[in-house]
Amino acid sequence: MFGGSTLNFNQSFPYYLIPPTEQYAMWQYDMSNDLWAAFDTSSSGISIPSWGANAEATDHGLAFYVGGQLDAGTANTTQDLGEDTVGVGGMVVLDTTSTRIKNVTVEDSIKSNRQGAGMVYVDNFGDAGVLVLVGGRTDTDGFLPMDEVSIFDVGSTDLGDNASADKNKWYRQKTSGPVPNSRTDFCLVAAPSQDNSSTNIYMYGGRSNGAIFDDIYVLSIPSFTWIKVFVGESARWSVTCHFIPPRQMITIGGGGDSTTDIAADCDWEYKSLAVLDMSTIGWSSTYDANAGPYKIPDSVVKIIGGSPQGNATKIQPTDGWSDDALATLFTIKTVTSDTSDPPSVTTSSTSASTPTTSTASSGTPEPAKKLSVGAIAGIAVGGVALIALIAGGIFFFLRSRRTRRLSQHDIALIEKDGLPSYSIAASLSRAELVGTPQAAELSAKQNGHDHDGKPLPVEKDGGILRVAPVEMDARARARANTPIEME
């Protein structure tokens, strides 16, 4: 985990924590042991920003964070900023395998000092995939237009101290179509066609100059064409989107367009979740575990050609490539069976090793011997008994493990590799405020954004309580203008 800001107007909260020290800018969560561990990043000289754009290339073990800002809640050393902010440029790159972290310089034309932008990783172009950076704003330029996007070649990543000029390479590309309004605080996900002839980047929500959006645009690449596929009446901003293959997008949280009902502004569909079928562009409150393969929406097929399965015919930008190198970077790779090693990226002075996949030697297999009916029956009965025995063992193991874990009522502070780690296996009981203080009231402007439209810093959950999973309410209200009725 990297970046973020601590909300500072609710300091009476019993679990309120002051902004963290910049010495520990990076945190890691161990899911098997329920532990957060901090890493000392002081030698890197990296500040803790908020409101930046991030993406992960999980197949290469890399994470990226572009731009953002420093504010009063980003670190204990920035608390004196008050309501002022300081833009941050460059791109922080993290090698999640070695935990090496570095701020890579980005040329000025990319405007990496932007805030509230969106960035998404697309893995089927280039030798190791690309990052697509969209929108946002800067202190000097204001809201950035959507008729141009920035592209980073992940294969050029080099975290060494003497990276050459052709490393850490960014490009700019013009887009076409009905270009969306400039905005911040939207979210992006990307879905490839079945044959990789196109990848569709879905952009949802956001806000700009007082306007809040409830729309979905698709940026289809490699043609870099915008297509508007949805418009509704329940605007959202600062929402997160998550692609669940093969064809669903889950949205979580965010703010609405209410100015009077605080509860309505903070929540949506009771449980803060909604599910989009990316093929039909239909919203629902339920996740379909048996959804079929991704199909390109009809409204997109009409523009890029081909079929819902792929075979796009518009595979170049309308006005050509802004840089000749992009034509090579966005060469279409059709889906084939490939057993070759994935490309590696340089994360230190020498290239990082890449795991290889062993394949069995080819040859003519001998025909299998047939079993008798009795042997088959015996194997079947024995197999069923073995499965039942294993299932029972797993059930009792998990039950006893859960019982032990729920009995841990004390907050544990341990040391791991010399760095602080914090257990979140705390009491399940509700935390209670002391009875003496009076209720605190927020000031009039603490309503989610300040006077110039910038979002206020959002506090990470300062609590240390484990809560039980919640189920989405089947009575969730339906969204306006959607193809699918919610239950």
Foldseek 3Di string as FASTA:
>chain_A
DAAFFADDPPVLPPLHDAAAAQQFRDWDADVVFQKIFTDGPVVQVDFHFYQWEKEDLVQFQKIKTFKGWDALGRHVVRVVRHGDIGIDGFMWMARNVVRDIHGHHDDCVQVSSFGQWYKYWDQQFAQGTKIKIAWGAHPPGGTDWRQKIKMWHQQQDAQAPDRDPSHRDMDMWGADEPTDDGFGQWYWDWAAFLFQLKIWIWIAWGDGPLGTFGWIWIQIPPQRYIFTDDGFDWGFGNWYWDDDPPFKIKIAWTATDDDPDLVNRGAALVHRIWMARRADRFIAPDDDPPDDGFFHHPRVCVPQPDGRRDPGPNHAYPVGGPDPVVVRRGDGDTDDDDQAFRDWHHNYPDTDDGDHDDDDDDDDDDDDDDDDPVVVVVVVVVVVVVVVVVVVVVVVVVVVVVVVLQPAADKDWDADPNTTMTRLSHHQDDDDRDDPDDDDDDDPQQSQAHDVRHGDGDRDPSDSHDYDDDDRDQPGAAIGPGPDGYD
